[in-house]
Amino acid sequence: MYEDKTLVCKECGNEFVFTSGEQEFYAEKGFVNEPQRCKPCRNARKQATKSAREFHTTVCAECGGEARIPFRPMEGKSYYCSECFAKRNEEGIA
């Protein structure tokens, strides 16, 4: 029913393929507009909004190092640096 379409990215001007599978997905979700940006440009836009988030610094409850978190720390709660958080996650503690 759907056929691959070649579209032009409005950001970088490069051509990209809007596959039949993607078109079917868009139809299932009720999206009416075709994508206007290629995958690398979409990812770049997502990254730009992520880096704009404000981070707060607190002390890691595990190692005592610096923990950066994307929300304001609350008094009496434990926060962990990336390494300790990942370790706790692997151990099933988090």
C-alpha atoms as a PDB file:
ATOM      1  CA  MET A   1       0.000   0.000   0.000  1.00  0.00           C
ATOM      2  CA  TYR A   2       2.753   2.466   0.931  1.00  0.00           C
ATOM      3  CA  GLU A   3       5.862   3.099  -1.150  1.00  0.00           C
ATOM      4  CA  ASP A   4       9.162   4.662  -0.083  1.00  0.00           C
ATOM      5  CA  LYS A   5       9.295   8.413  -0.747  1.00  0.00           C
ATOM      6  CA  THR A   6      12.335  10.612  -1.126  1.00  0.00           C
ATOM      7  CA  LEU A   7      11.948  13.871   0.800  1.00  0.00           C
ATOM      8  CA  VAL A   8      14.218  16.898   1.228  1.00  0.00           C
ATOM      9  CA  CYS A   9      15.231  17.954   4.739  1.00  0.00           C
ATOM     10  CA  LYS A  10      14.214  21.543   5.475  1.00  0.00           C
ATOM     11  CA  GLU A  11      17.173  21.890   7.859  1.00  0.00           C
ATOM     12  CA  CYS A  12      20.163  20.672   5.833  1.00  0.00           C
ATOM     13  CA  GLY A  13      18.691  20.281   2.333  1.00  0.00           C
ATOM     14  CA  ASN A  14      19.773  16.649   2.004  1.00  0.00           C
ATOM     15  CA  GLU A  15      17.440  14.019   0.623  1.00  0.00           C
ATOM     16  CA  PHE A  16      16.203  11.245   2.890  1.00  0.00           C
ATOM     17  CA  VAL A  17      13.865   8.293   2.456  1.00  0.00           C
ATOM     18  CA  PHE A  18      10.483   8.226   4.163  1.00  0.00           C
ATOM     19  CA  THR A  19      10.050   4.458   4.147  1.00  0.00           C
ATOM     20  CA  SER A  20       6.786   2.620   3.652  1.00  0.00           C
ATOM     21  CA  GLY A  21       7.117   1.293   7.218  1.00  0.00           C
ATOM     22  CA  GLU A  22       7.477   4.814   8.581  1.00  0.00           C
ATOM     23  CA  GLN A  23       4.486   5.950   6.537  1.00  0.00           C
ATOM     24  CA  GLU A  24       2.408   3.114   7.963  1.00  0.00           C
ATOM     25  CA  PHE A  25       3.523   4.041  11.483  1.00  0.00           C
ATOM     26  CA  TYR A  26       2.575   7.687  10.882  1.00  0.00           C
ATOM     27  CA  ALA A  27      -0.862   6.598   9.611  1.00  0.00           C
ATOM     28  CA  GLU A  28      -1.434   4.347  12.645  1.00  0.00           C
ATOM     29  CA  LYS A  29      -0.584   7.214  14.989  1.00  0.00           C
ATOM     30  CA  GLY A  30      -2.832   9.601  13.088  1.00  0.00           C
ATOM     31  CA  PHE A  31      -0.003  11.887  11.984  1.00  0.00           C
ATOM     32  CA  VAL A  32      -1.066  13.840   8.905  1.00  0.00           C
ATOM     33  CA  ASN A  33       2.197  15.637   8.068  1.00  0.00           C
ATOM     34  CA  GLU A  34       5.244  13.971   6.571  1.00  0.00           C
ATOM     35  CA  PRO A  35       8.570  14.448   8.395  1.00  0.00           C
ATOM     36  CA  GLN A  36      10.359  17.618   7.366  1.00  0.00           C
ATOM     37  CA  ARG A  37      13.802  16.761   8.733  1.00  0.00           C
ATOM     38  CA  CYS A  38      16.174  13.857   8.155  1.00  0.00           C
ATOM     39  CA  LYS A  39      17.069  11.599  11.087  1.00  0.00           C
ATOM     40  CA  PRO A  40      20.417  13.330  11.873  1.00  0.00           C
ATOM     41  CA  CYS A  41      18.715  16.758  11.958  1.00  0.00           C
ATOM     42  CA  ARG A  42      15.863  15.411  14.137  1.00  0.00           C
ATOM     43  CA  ASN A  43      18.412  13.943  16.544  1.00  0.00           C
ATOM     44  CA  ALA A  44      20.365  17.218  16.615  1.00  0.00           C
ATOM     45  CA  ARG A  45      17.197  19.134  17.533  1.00  0.00           C
ATOM     46  CA  LYS A  46      16.432  16.670  20.323  1.00  0.00           C
ATOM     47  CA  GLN A  47      19.975  16.999  21.691  1.00  0.00           C
ATOM     48  CA  ALA A  48      19.748  20.795  21.612  1.00  0.00           C
ATOM     49  CA  THR A  49      16.670  20.735  23.837  1.00  0.00           C
ATOM     50  CA  LYS A  50      18.224  18.193  26.201  1.00  0.00           C
ATOM     51  CA  SER A  51      21.364  20.244  26.742  1.00  0.00           C
ATOM     52  CA  ALA A  52      19.220  23.276  27.576  1.00  0.00           C
ATOM     53  CA  ARG A  53      18.019  21.551  30.758  1.00  0.00           C
ATOM     54  CA  GLU A  54      19.216  23.003  34.020  1.00  0.00           C
ATOM     55  CA  PHE A  55      21.257  20.680  36.234  1.00  0.00           C
ATOM     56  CA  HIS A  56      21.847  20.948  39.971  1.00  0.00           C
ATOM     57  CA  THR A  57      24.884  19.731  41.861  1.00  0.00           C
ATOM     58  CA  THR A  58      24.663  17.738  45.077  1.00  0.00           C
ATOM     59  CA  VAL A  59      26.752  15.168  46.968  1.00  0.00           C
ATOM     60  CA  CYS A  60      26.554  11.496  45.978  1.00  0.00           C
ATOM     61  CA  ALA A  61      25.165   9.432  48.870  1.00  0.00           C
ATOM     62  CA  GLU A  62      27.329   6.462  47.861  1.00  0.00           C
ATOM     63  CA  CYS A  63      30.849   7.771  47.103  1.00  0.00           C
ATOM     64  CA  GLY A  64      30.657  11.379  48.332  1.00  0.00           C
ATOM     65  CA  GLY A  65      31.536  12.724  44.893  1.00  0.00           C
ATOM     66  CA  GLU A  66      29.650  15.273  42.827  1.00  0.00           C
ATOM     67  CA  ALA A  67      26.223  14.229  41.561  1.00  0.00           C
ATOM     68  CA  ARG A  68      24.541  16.299  38.847  1.00  0.00           C
ATOM     69  CA  ILE A  69      20.766  15.907  38.700  1.00  0.00           C
ATOM     70  CA  PRO A  70      18.180  17.496  36.347  1.00  0.00           C
ATOM     71  CA  PHE A  71      15.917  18.647  39.178  1.00  0.00           C
ATOM     72  CA  ARG A  72      16.264  20.583  42.422  1.00  0.00           C
ATOM     73  CA  PRO A  73      17.451  18.283  45.240  1.00  0.00           C
ATOM     74  CA  MET A  74      15.155  17.851  48.223  1.00  0.00           C
ATOM     75  CA  GLU A  75      16.342  17.839  51.813  1.00  0.00           C
ATOM     76  CA  GLY A  76      16.660  14.359  53.318  1.00  0.00           C
ATOM     77  CA  LYS A  77      16.725  12.437  50.005  1.00  0.00           C
ATOM     78  CA  SER A  78      19.654  10.446  48.663  1.00  0.00           C
ATOM     79  CA  TYR A  79      21.109  11.244  45.246  1.00  0.00           C
ATOM     80  CA  TYR A  80      23.813   9.405  43.328  1.00  0.00           C
ATOM     81  CA  CYS A  81      26.441  10.291  40.739  1.00  0.00           C
ATOM     82  CA  SER A  82      26.106   8.637  37.317  1.00  0.00           C
ATOM     83  CA  GLU A  83      28.530   5.826  38.148  1.00  0.00           C
ATOM     84  CA  CYS A  84      26.945   4.916  41.481  1.00  0.00           C
ATOM     85  CA  PHE A  85      23.455   5.196  40.026  1.00  0.00           C
ATOM     86  CA  ALA A  86      24.376   2.811  37.195  1.00  0.00           C
ATOM     87  CA  LYS A  87      25.994   0.385  39.669  1.00  0.00           C
ATOM     88  CA  ARG A  88      22.892   0.421  41.874  1.00  0.00           C
ATOM     89  CA  ASN A  89      20.701  -0.092  38.818  1.00  0.00           C
ATOM     90  CA  GLU A  90      22.741  -3.150  37.742  1.00  0.00           C
ATOM     91  CA  GLU A  91      22.483  -4.588  41.245  1.00  0.00           C
ATOM     92  CA  GLY A  92      18.733  -3.980  41.280  1.00  0.00           C
ATOM     93  CA  ILE A  93      18.938  -1.585  44.221  1.00  0.00           C
ATOM     94  CA  ALA A  94      17.658   1.546  42.467  1.00  0.00           C
END
